[in-house]
Amino acid sequence: MDLKTARLFRGALDEAAQDGKPRLIVDMSEVPFMDSSGLAALIGAQKALREATQLIVVCPDNLRRIFEVTRLDSIVSLVASLPEALVA
């Protein structure tokens, strides 16, 4: 996920957020790379969802360190797999 794809990603997050469901699961298990624009899209979504919807990210090991270094793991729920997200 980079500058090119982050805009589409943010649009999809915004659209999903309008459903008003209690959880929004973002499956990033197939994402090999993410730069700051992808992080910004997630942060923006988290801010928009803050009270109404819990943001859960399926985060593979290759991205987990990015979430930890930026402390994004303190504001979104990270899980290792989609089945884990579904029961979270």
Protein backbone atom coordinates (compact mmCIF):
# COMPACT_ATOMS: atom_id res chain seq x y z
CA MET A 1 0.00 0.00 0.00
CA ASP A 2 1.51 3.25 -1.12
CA LEU A 3 0.52 6.73 -2.23
CA LYS A 4 -1.24 5.38 -5.34
CA THR A 5 -3.41 2.85 -3.55
CA ALA A 6 -3.94 4.69 -0.25
CA ARG A 7 -6.52 7.05 -1.77
CA LEU A 8 -8.63 4.11 -2.95
CA PHE A 9 -8.12 2.40 0.40
CA ARG A 10 -9.31 5.47 2.30
CA GLY A 11 -12.35 5.75 0.07
CA ALA A 12 -13.24 2.12 0.77
CA LEU A 13 -12.78 2.69 4.51
CA ASP A 14 -14.99 5.78 4.42
CA GLU A 15 -17.69 3.89 2.53
CA ALA A 16 -17.57 0.96 4.95
CA ALA A 17 -17.71 3.34 7.92
CA GLN A 18 -21.04 4.71 6.75
CA ASP A 19 -22.69 1.33 7.34
CA GLY A 20 -22.79 2.06 11.08
CA LYS A 21 -21.81 -1.46 12.09
CA PRO A 22 -20.12 -1.98 15.48
CA ARG A 23 -16.92 -3.40 13.92
CA LEU A 24 -14.93 -2.72 10.78
CA ILE A 25 -12.41 -5.44 9.93
CA VAL A 26 -9.57 -4.53 7.59
CA ASP A 27 -7.82 -7.65 6.28
CA MET A 28 -4.25 -6.70 5.41
CA SER A 29 -2.99 -10.29 5.39
CA GLU A 30 -2.05 -10.04 1.69
CA VAL A 31 -0.42 -6.59 1.90
CA PRO A 32 3.35 -6.99 1.38
CA PHE A 33 4.25 -3.31 1.97
CA MET A 34 2.70 -0.21 3.49
CA ASP A 35 4.09 3.31 3.62
CA SER A 36 2.99 6.35 5.60
CA SER A 37 0.07 7.07 3.27
CA GLY A 38 -1.48 3.72 4.18
CA LEU A 39 -0.98 4.49 7.86
CA ALA A 40 -2.56 7.91 7.35
CA ALA A 41 -5.62 6.28 5.77
CA LEU A 42 -6.02 3.98 8.79
CA ILE A 43 -5.54 6.84 11.24
CA GLY A 44 -8.12 8.93 9.41
CA ALA A 45 -10.56 6.03 9.46
CA GLN A 46 -9.96 5.44 13.15
CA LYS A 47 -10.67 9.08 13.92
CA ALA A 48 -13.89 8.96 11.90
CA LEU A 49 -14.99 5.73 13.59
CA ARG A 50 -13.72 6.49 17.08
CA GLU A 51 -16.93 6.14 19.05
CA ALA A 52 -19.32 4.27 16.82
CA THR A 53 -17.23 1.47 15.35
CA GLN A 54 -14.25 -0.61 16.45
CA LEU A 55 -11.50 -0.85 13.82
CA ILE A 56 -9.86 -4.28 13.75
CA VAL A 57 -6.86 -4.87 11.48
CA VAL A 58 -5.71 -8.31 10.40
CA CYS A 59 -2.03 -7.55 10.48
CA PRO A 60 0.62 -9.91 9.10
CA ASP A 61 4.02 -10.12 10.78
CA ASN A 62 5.68 -8.08 8.02
CA LEU A 63 3.50 -5.04 8.88
CA ARG A 64 3.20 -5.44 12.64
CA ARG A 65 6.47 -3.63 13.34
CA ILE A 66 5.20 -0.54 11.46
CA PHE A 67 2.13 -0.44 13.68
CA GLU A 68 4.26 -0.85 16.81
CA VAL A 69 6.87 1.79 15.90
CA THR A 70 4.20 4.35 15.05
CA ARG A 71 2.13 3.33 18.10
CA LEU A 72 -0.86 2.79 15.86
CA ASP A 73 -1.23 -0.53 17.66
CA SER A 74 -2.43 1.46 20.68
CA ILE A 75 -5.45 2.91 18.84
CA VAL A 76 -6.50 0.03 16.56
CA SER A 77 -6.97 -3.61 17.42
CA LEU A 78 -4.42 -5.83 15.70
CA VAL A 79 -5.07 -9.53 15.20
CA ALA A 80 -3.08 -12.21 13.41
CA SER A 81 -5.85 -13.79 11.34
CA LEU A 82 -9.31 -13.21 9.94
CA PRO A 83 -10.91 -15.90 12.15
CA GLU A 84 -9.44 -14.12 15.17
CA ALA A 85 -10.91 -10.82 13.94
CA LEU A 86 -14.33 -12.35 13.52
CA VAL A 87 -14.45 -13.42 17.18
CA ALA A 88 -12.80 -10.25 18.53
